[in-house]
Amino acid sequence: MSAFVPCSARNCEAGGTSGCNYIDRRQRRCGTAWCADHHVRIAGFDYCRRHAGVIRALGEQLPAGLPELNNRAASLAAYLGDELNGRVVNVLGRAVASNSEASLVNHPVRLVKTPGGRERRWQRSWNVVDNTGVVSRVVIEVDEADDTVVLTSVGSSRIGRGTPPWIARREGEETDPERRAAFLEAIGRSIEMVLTRPEMAPTRI
């Protein structure tokens, strides 16, 4: 008879019947086990909730080297991109509406290399393009080397750098929903303020 393996979910007393299938770029496997109520199945594979978020964020085009087990860069970039998507699309949509040859390209989270190719960075971006190239661009990035910091850019300019309050909080301390909302609002407002300045229309890259 095999030994009982508890579910890794907090306060769950059920047996962990499914292991997480996540394997990072260093070939390390997530060692957690989960019961039927707490595992997540994606494309026929079981994952813990944390790594299921990473797999969902990356979609069907999974890179050859998945983020390291405890690295939140990809999932954080995806979360912020999803939360800000409506706001960014709305403001960039005005540029598209004023240019009959322009279109908005909404890129999902993807892996990019920093200058020199040594650092890996996860990026969510929105581009307004026309027949001459990129007119305007908004980018949310999180570097794997420091997955606590969110970088925001409009065009070729960095307009923001900060750590979300739910990451900066002390161990075990819950994040005030209002602080979370305020952080997202600050990023969204900064993007809007830069894009709507007269000198920023258009912003050729």
C-alpha atoms as a PDB file:
ATOM      1  CA  MET A   1       0.000   0.000   0.000  1.00  0.00           C
ATOM      2  CA  SER A   2       1.471   3.355  -1.022  1.00  0.00           C
ATOM      3  CA  ALA A   3       2.080   6.073   1.566  1.00  0.00           C
ATOM      4  CA  PHE A   4      -0.501   8.815   1.924  1.00  0.00           C
ATOM      5  CA  VAL A   5       0.577  12.068   0.249  1.00  0.00           C
ATOM      6  CA  PRO A   6      -1.439  15.076   1.416  1.00  0.00           C
ATOM      7  CA  CYS A   7      -2.769  17.690  -0.948  1.00  0.00           C
ATOM      8  CA  SER A   8      -0.510  20.764  -1.037  1.00  0.00           C
ATOM      9  CA  ALA A   9      -3.449  23.170  -0.729  1.00  0.00           C
ATOM     10  CA  ARG A  10      -3.598  24.971   2.601  1.00  0.00           C
ATOM     11  CA  ASN A  11      -5.934  23.302   5.141  1.00  0.00           C
ATOM     12  CA  CYS A  12      -6.865  20.526   2.706  1.00  0.00           C
ATOM     13  CA  GLU A  13      -6.835  17.049   4.267  1.00  0.00           C
ATOM     14  CA  ALA A  14      -7.498  15.113   1.077  1.00  0.00           C
ATOM     15  CA  GLY A  15      -4.882  13.006  -0.639  1.00  0.00           C
ATOM     16  CA  GLY A  16      -2.714  14.478  -3.356  1.00  0.00           C
ATOM     17  CA  THR A  17      -3.644  12.293  -6.305  1.00  0.00           C
ATOM     18  CA  SER A  18      -2.100  14.467  -9.062  1.00  0.00           C
ATOM     19  CA  GLY A  19       1.391  15.902  -9.281  1.00  0.00           C
ATOM     20  CA  CYS A  20       2.095  19.219 -10.981  1.00  0.00           C
ATOM     21  CA  ASN A  21       3.578  18.616 -14.446  1.00  0.00           C
ATOM     22  CA  TYR A  22       5.394  21.931 -14.650  1.00  0.00           C
ATOM     23  CA  ILE A  23       9.086  21.607 -15.606  1.00  0.00           C
ATOM     24  CA  ASP A  24      11.159  24.775 -15.703  1.00  0.00           C
ATOM     25  CA  ARG A  25      14.010  25.702 -18.050  1.00  0.00           C
ATOM     26  CA  ARG A  26      16.518  24.064 -15.709  1.00  0.00           C
ATOM     27  CA  GLN A  27      14.573  20.784 -15.946  1.00  0.00           C
ATOM     28  CA  ARG A  28      13.279  21.037 -12.389  1.00  0.00           C
ATOM     29  CA  ARG A  29       9.788  19.695 -11.750  1.00  0.00           C
ATOM     30  CA  CYS A  30       7.315  21.242  -9.354  1.00  0.00           C
ATOM     31  CA  GLY A  31       7.158  18.784  -6.451  1.00  0.00           C
ATOM     32  CA  THR A  32       3.632  19.533  -5.270  1.00  0.00           C
ATOM     33  CA  ALA A  33       0.694  17.094  -5.200  1.00  0.00           C
ATOM     34  CA  TRP A  34      -2.974  18.036  -5.404  1.00  0.00           C
ATOM     35  CA  CYS A  35      -6.381  16.522  -4.850  1.00  0.00           C
ATOM     36  CA  ALA A  36      -9.123  16.518  -7.471  1.00  0.00           C
ATOM     37  CA  ASP A  37     -10.540  19.809  -6.147  1.00  0.00           C
ATOM     38  CA  HIS A  38      -7.275  21.738  -6.225  1.00  0.00           C
ATOM     39  CA  HIS A  39      -5.361  20.707  -9.325  1.00  0.00           C
ATOM     40  CA  VAL A  40      -5.868  22.426 -12.689  1.00  0.00           C
ATOM     41  CA  ARG A  41      -5.927  20.502 -15.966  1.00  0.00           C
ATOM     42  CA  ILE A  42      -4.723  22.213 -19.128  1.00  0.00           C
ATOM     43  CA  ALA A  43      -4.377  20.408 -22.458  1.00  0.00           C
ATOM     44  CA  GLY A  44      -4.442  17.039 -20.698  1.00  0.00           C
ATOM     45  CA  PHE A  45      -1.811  17.877 -18.061  1.00  0.00           C
ATOM     46  CA  ASP A  46      -2.306  18.611 -14.367  1.00  0.00           C
ATOM     47  CA  TYR A  47      -0.748  21.666 -12.705  1.00  0.00           C
ATOM     48  CA  CYS A  48      -0.806  23.436  -9.392  1.00  0.00           C
ATOM     49  CA  ARG A  49      -2.742  26.694  -9.536  1.00  0.00           C
ATOM     50  CA  ARG A  50       0.384  28.840  -9.581  1.00  0.00           C
ATOM     51  CA  HIS A  51       1.973  27.122 -12.547  1.00  0.00           C
ATOM     52  CA  ALA A  52      -1.362  26.761 -14.311  1.00  0.00           C
ATOM     53  CA  GLY A  53      -1.386  30.555 -14.300  1.00  0.00           C
ATOM     54  CA  VAL A  54       1.987  30.601 -16.035  1.00  0.00           C
ATOM     55  CA  ILE A  55       0.874  28.075 -18.667  1.00  0.00           C
ATOM     56  CA  ARG A  56      -2.335  30.013 -19.338  1.00  0.00           C
ATOM     57  CA  ALA A  57      -0.400  33.270 -19.566  1.00  0.00           C
ATOM     58  CA  LEU A  58       1.889  31.891 -22.245  1.00  0.00           C
ATOM     59  CA  GLY A  59      -0.910  30.317 -24.258  1.00  0.00           C
ATOM     60  CA  GLU A  60      -0.258  27.782 -26.976  1.00  0.00           C
ATOM     61  CA  GLN A  61       3.143  29.161 -27.971  1.00  0.00           C
ATOM     62  CA  LEU A  62       5.131  27.860 -25.012  1.00  0.00           C
ATOM     63  CA  PRO A  63       8.822  28.840 -25.118  1.00  0.00           C
ATOM     64  CA  ALA A  64      11.531  26.210 -25.017  1.00  0.00           C
ATOM     65  CA  GLY A  65      12.586  27.355 -21.543  1.00  0.00           C
ATOM     66  CA  LEU A  66       9.707  27.902 -19.127  1.00  0.00           C
ATOM     67  CA  PRO A  67      10.278  30.324 -16.218  1.00  0.00           C
ATOM     68  CA  GLU A  68      11.989  28.900 -13.164  1.00  0.00           C
ATOM     69  CA  LEU A  69       9.736  27.297 -10.575  1.00  0.00           C
ATOM     70  CA  ASN A  70       9.466  30.282  -8.249  1.00  0.00           C
ATOM     71  CA  ASN A  71       9.729  33.042 -10.847  1.00  0.00           C
ATOM     72  CA  ARG A  72       6.593  35.149 -11.235  1.00  0.00           C
ATOM     73  CA  ALA A  73       7.736  37.339 -14.165  1.00  0.00           C
ATOM     74  CA  ALA A  74       5.547  35.770 -16.872  1.00  0.00           C
ATOM     75  CA  SER A  75       2.408  35.441 -14.750  1.00  0.00           C
ATOM     76  CA  LEU A  76       2.769  38.983 -13.354  1.00  0.00           C
ATOM     77  CA  ALA A  77       3.169  40.481 -16.832  1.00  0.00           C
ATOM     78  CA  ALA A  78       0.126  38.518 -17.985  1.00  0.00           C
ATOM     79  CA  TYR A  79      -1.998  39.559 -15.011  1.00  0.00           C
ATOM     80  CA  LEU A  80      -1.203  43.253 -15.379  1.00  0.00           C
ATOM     81  CA  GLY A  81      -1.705  43.061 -19.128  1.00  0.00           C
ATOM     82  CA  ASP A  82      -5.149  41.538 -18.681  1.00  0.00           C
ATOM     83  CA  GLU A  83      -6.125  44.093 -16.030  1.00  0.00           C
ATOM     84  CA  LEU A  84      -4.980  47.050 -18.139  1.00  0.00           C
ATOM     85  CA  ASN A  85      -6.034  45.716 -21.539  1.00  0.00           C
ATOM     86  CA  GLY A  86      -9.400  47.470 -21.762  1.00  0.00           C
ATOM     87  CA  ARG A  87      -7.945  50.808 -20.761  1.00  0.00           C
ATOM     88  CA  VAL A  88      -4.983  50.617 -23.127  1.00  0.00           C
ATOM     89  CA  VAL A  89      -7.105  49.414 -26.048  1.00  0.00           C
ATOM     90  CA  ASN A  90      -9.522  52.278 -25.428  1.00  0.00           C
ATOM     91  CA  VAL A  91      -6.891  55.011 -25.544  1.00  0.00           C
ATOM     92  CA  LEU A  92      -4.959  53.498 -28.461  1.00  0.00           C
ATOM     93  CA  GLY A  93      -8.245  52.953 -30.272  1.00  0.00           C
ATOM     94  CA  ARG A  94      -8.574  56.710 -30.601  1.00  0.00           C
ATOM     95  CA  ALA A  95      -5.349  56.791 -32.609  1.00  0.00           C
ATOM     96  CA  VAL A  96      -6.677  54.021 -34.834  1.00  0.00           C
ATOM     97  CA  ALA A  97      -9.980  55.848 -35.337  1.00  0.00           C
ATOM     98  CA  SER A  98      -8.166  58.976 -36.507  1.00  0.00           C
ATOM     99  CA  ASN A  99      -6.021  57.111 -39.043  1.00  0.00           C
ATOM    100  CA  SER A 100      -7.820  55.028 -41.650  1.00  0.00           C
ATOM    101  CA  GLU A 101      -4.626  53.103 -42.430  1.00  0.00           C
ATOM    102  CA  ALA A 102      -3.833  52.224 -38.817  1.00  0.00           C
ATOM    103  CA  SER A 103      -4.645  49.066 -36.883  1.00  0.00           C
ATOM    104  CA  LEU A 104      -4.108  47.881 -33.326  1.00  0.00           C
ATOM    105  CA  VAL A 105      -1.987  44.780 -32.729  1.00  0.00           C
ATOM    106  CA  ASN A 106      -2.518  43.297 -29.257  1.00  0.00           C
ATOM    107  CA  HIS A 107       0.400  41.004 -28.443  1.00  0.00           C
ATOM    108  CA  PRO A 108       0.017  38.295 -25.758  1.00  0.00           C
ATOM    109  CA  VAL A 109       2.746  37.755 -23.195  1.00  0.00           C
ATOM    110  CA  ARG A 110       5.997  36.712 -24.845  1.00  0.00           C
ATOM    111  CA  LEU A 111       9.617  36.133 -23.927  1.00  0.00           C
ATOM    112  CA  VAL A 112      12.091  38.774 -25.075  1.00  0.00           C
ATOM    113  CA  LYS A 113      15.804  39.173 -24.470  1.00  0.00           C
ATOM    114  CA  THR A 114      17.278  42.312 -22.945  1.00  0.00           C
ATOM    115  CA  PRO A 115      20.096  44.116 -24.813  1.00  0.00           C
ATOM    116  CA  GLY A 116      23.073  41.787 -24.933  1.00  0.00           C
ATOM    117  CA  GLY A 117      20.843  38.716 -24.669  1.00  0.00           C
ATOM    118  CA  ARG A 118      21.801  37.801 -21.120  1.00  0.00           C
ATOM    119  CA  GLU A 119      18.532  38.603 -19.354  1.00  0.00           C
ATOM    120  CA  ARG A 120      15.096  37.147 -20.014  1.00  0.00           C
ATOM    121  CA  ARG A 121      12.122  39.472 -19.833  1.00  0.00           C
ATOM    122  CA  TRP A 122       8.398  38.811 -20.191  1.00  0.00           C
ATOM    123  CA  GLN A 123       6.495  41.409 -22.155  1.00  0.00           C
ATOM    124  CA  ARG A 124       2.882  42.292 -22.923  1.00  0.00           C
ATOM    125  CA  SER A 125       2.537  44.960 -25.615  1.00  0.00           C
ATOM    126  CA  TRP A 126       0.032  46.885 -27.714  1.00  0.00           C
ATOM    127  CA  ASN A 127       1.102  48.445 -31.034  1.00  0.00           C
ATOM    128  CA  VAL A 128      -0.692  50.836 -33.345  1.00  0.00           C
ATOM    129  CA  VAL A 129       0.744  50.245 -36.814  1.00  0.00           C
ATOM    130  CA  ASP A 130       0.175  51.662 -40.278  1.00  0.00           C
ATOM    131  CA  ASN A 131       1.914  51.359 -43.631  1.00  0.00           C
ATOM    132  CA  THR A 132       4.920  53.303 -42.332  1.00  0.00           C
ATOM    133  CA  GLY A 133       5.517  51.146 -39.247  1.00  0.00           C
ATOM    134  CA  VAL A 134       4.713  51.459 -35.549  1.00  0.00           C
ATOM    135  CA  VAL A 135       2.843  54.642 -34.683  1.00  0.00           C
ATOM    136  CA  SER A 136       2.316  54.138 -30.954  1.00  0.00           C
ATOM    137  CA  ARG A 137       3.325  51.444 -28.495  1.00  0.00           C
ATOM    138  CA  VAL A 138       2.578  50.520 -24.886  1.00  0.00           C
ATOM    139  CA  VAL A 139       4.641  47.864 -23.102  1.00  0.00           C
ATOM    140  CA  ILE A 140       4.364  46.151 -19.719  1.00  0.00           C
ATOM    141  CA  GLU A 141       7.460  44.128 -18.791  1.00  0.00           C
ATOM    142  CA  VAL A 142       8.768  42.072 -15.891  1.00  0.00           C
ATOM    143  CA  ASP A 143      12.391  40.949 -15.853  1.00  0.00           C
ATOM    144  CA  GLU A 144      13.147  37.419 -14.645  1.00  0.00           C
ATOM    145  CA  ALA A 145      16.206  38.785 -12.842  1.00  0.00           C
ATOM    146  CA  ASP A 146      13.896  40.888 -10.635  1.00  0.00           C
ATOM    147  CA  ASP A 147      10.369  39.537 -10.847  1.00  0.00           C
ATOM    148  CA  THR A 148       9.060  41.990  -8.241  1.00  0.00           C
ATOM    149  CA  VAL A 149       9.385  45.075 -10.465  1.00  0.00           C
ATOM    150  CA  VAL A 150       6.971  46.123 -13.197  1.00  0.00           C
ATOM    151  CA  LEU A 151       8.327  48.282 -16.044  1.00  0.00           C
ATOM    152  CA  THR A 152       5.961  50.435 -18.108  1.00  0.00           C
ATOM    153  CA  SER A 153       6.903  52.091 -21.401  1.00  0.00           C
ATOM    154  CA  VAL A 154       5.143  54.256 -23.959  1.00  0.00           C
ATOM    155  CA  GLY A 155       6.911  54.556 -27.275  1.00  0.00           C
ATOM    156  CA  SER A 156      10.638  54.432 -26.596  1.00  0.00           C
ATOM    157  CA  SER A 157      10.344  56.054 -23.144  1.00  0.00           C
ATOM    158  CA  ARG A 158      10.175  54.323 -19.772  1.00  0.00           C
ATOM    159  CA  ILE A 159       7.363  56.017 -17.844  1.00  0.00           C
ATOM    160  CA  GLY A 160       7.059  53.814 -14.778  1.00  0.00           C
ATOM    161  CA  ARG A 161       8.831  51.351 -12.540  1.00  0.00           C
ATOM    162  CA  GLY A 162       7.312  49.909  -9.380  1.00  0.00           C
ATOM    163  CA  THR A 163       6.577  46.918  -7.167  1.00  0.00           C
ATOM    164  CA  PRO A 164       2.920  45.865  -6.776  1.00  0.00           C
ATOM    165  CA  PRO A 165       1.661  46.137  -3.185  1.00  0.00           C
ATOM    166  CA  TRP A 166       0.646  42.470  -3.091  1.00  0.00           C
ATOM    167  CA  ILE A 167       4.288  41.542  -3.700  1.00  0.00           C
ATOM    168  CA  ALA A 168       5.794  44.174  -1.416  1.00  0.00           C
ATOM    169  CA  ARG A 169       3.606  43.191   1.549  1.00  0.00           C
ATOM    170  CA  ARG A 170       5.052  41.369   4.510  1.00  0.00           C
ATOM    171  CA  GLU A 171       4.914  37.596   4.662  1.00  0.00           C
ATOM    172  CA  GLY A 172       1.383  36.471   5.481  1.00  0.00           C
ATOM    173  CA  GLU A 173      -0.075  39.979   5.291  1.00  0.00           C
ATOM    174  CA  GLU A 174      -3.116  40.320   3.057  1.00  0.00           C
ATOM    175  CA  THR A 175      -3.178  43.042   0.425  1.00  0.00           C
ATOM    176  CA  ASP A 176      -5.865  45.682   0.742  1.00  0.00           C
ATOM    177  CA  PRO A 177      -8.017  45.455  -2.430  1.00  0.00           C
ATOM    178  CA  GLU A 178      -8.029  49.245  -2.581  1.00  0.00           C
ATOM    179  CA  ARG A 179      -4.215  49.312  -2.728  1.00  0.00           C
ATOM    180  CA  ARG A 180      -4.271  46.782  -5.558  1.00  0.00           C
ATOM    181  CA  ALA A 181      -6.821  48.871  -7.448  1.00  0.00           C
ATOM    182  CA  ALA A 182      -4.814  52.046  -6.794  1.00  0.00           C
ATOM    183  CA  PHE A 183      -1.652  50.474  -8.219  1.00  0.00           C
ATOM    184  CA  LEU A 184      -3.436  49.445 -11.406  1.00  0.00           C
ATOM    185  CA  GLU A 185      -5.094  52.848 -11.637  1.00  0.00           C
ATOM    186  CA  ALA A 186      -1.729  54.605 -11.342  1.00  0.00           C
ATOM    187  CA  ILE A 187      -0.281  52.618 -14.242  1.00  0.00           C
ATOM    188  CA  GLY A 188      -3.364  53.119 -16.395  1.00  0.00           C
ATOM    189  CA  ARG A 189      -3.513  56.843 -15.672  1.00  0.00           C
ATOM    190  CA  SER A 190       0.178  57.298 -16.488  1.00  0.00           C
ATOM    191  CA  ILE A 191      -0.242  55.547 -19.830  1.00  0.00           C
ATOM    192  CA  GLU A 192      -3.275  57.683 -20.695  1.00  0.00           C
ATOM    193  CA  MET A 193      -1.574  60.938 -19.682  1.00  0.00           C
ATOM    194  CA  VAL A 194       1.457  60.258 -21.879  1.00  0.00           C
ATOM    195  CA  LEU A 195      -0.511  59.046 -24.895  1.00  0.00           C
ATOM    196  CA  THR A 196      -2.971  61.935 -24.831  1.00  0.00           C
ATOM    197  CA  ARG A 197      -0.350  64.704 -24.658  1.00  0.00           C
ATOM    198  CA  PRO A 198      -0.438  66.659 -27.949  1.00  0.00           C
ATOM    199  CA  GLU A 199       3.268  66.094 -28.572  1.00  0.00           C
ATOM    200  CA  MET A 200       2.761  62.302 -28.294  1.00  0.00           C
ATOM    201  CA  ALA A 201       0.414  62.012 -31.288  1.00  0.00           C
ATOM    202  CA  PRO A 202       1.649  60.229 -33.261  1.00  0.00           C
ATOM    203  CA  THR A 203       4.516  58.514 -31.440  1.00  0.00           C
ATOM    204  CA  ARG A 204       6.686  56.966 -34.129  1.00  0.00           C
ATOM    205  CA  ILE A 205       8.990  54.156 -32.962  1.00  0.00           C
END
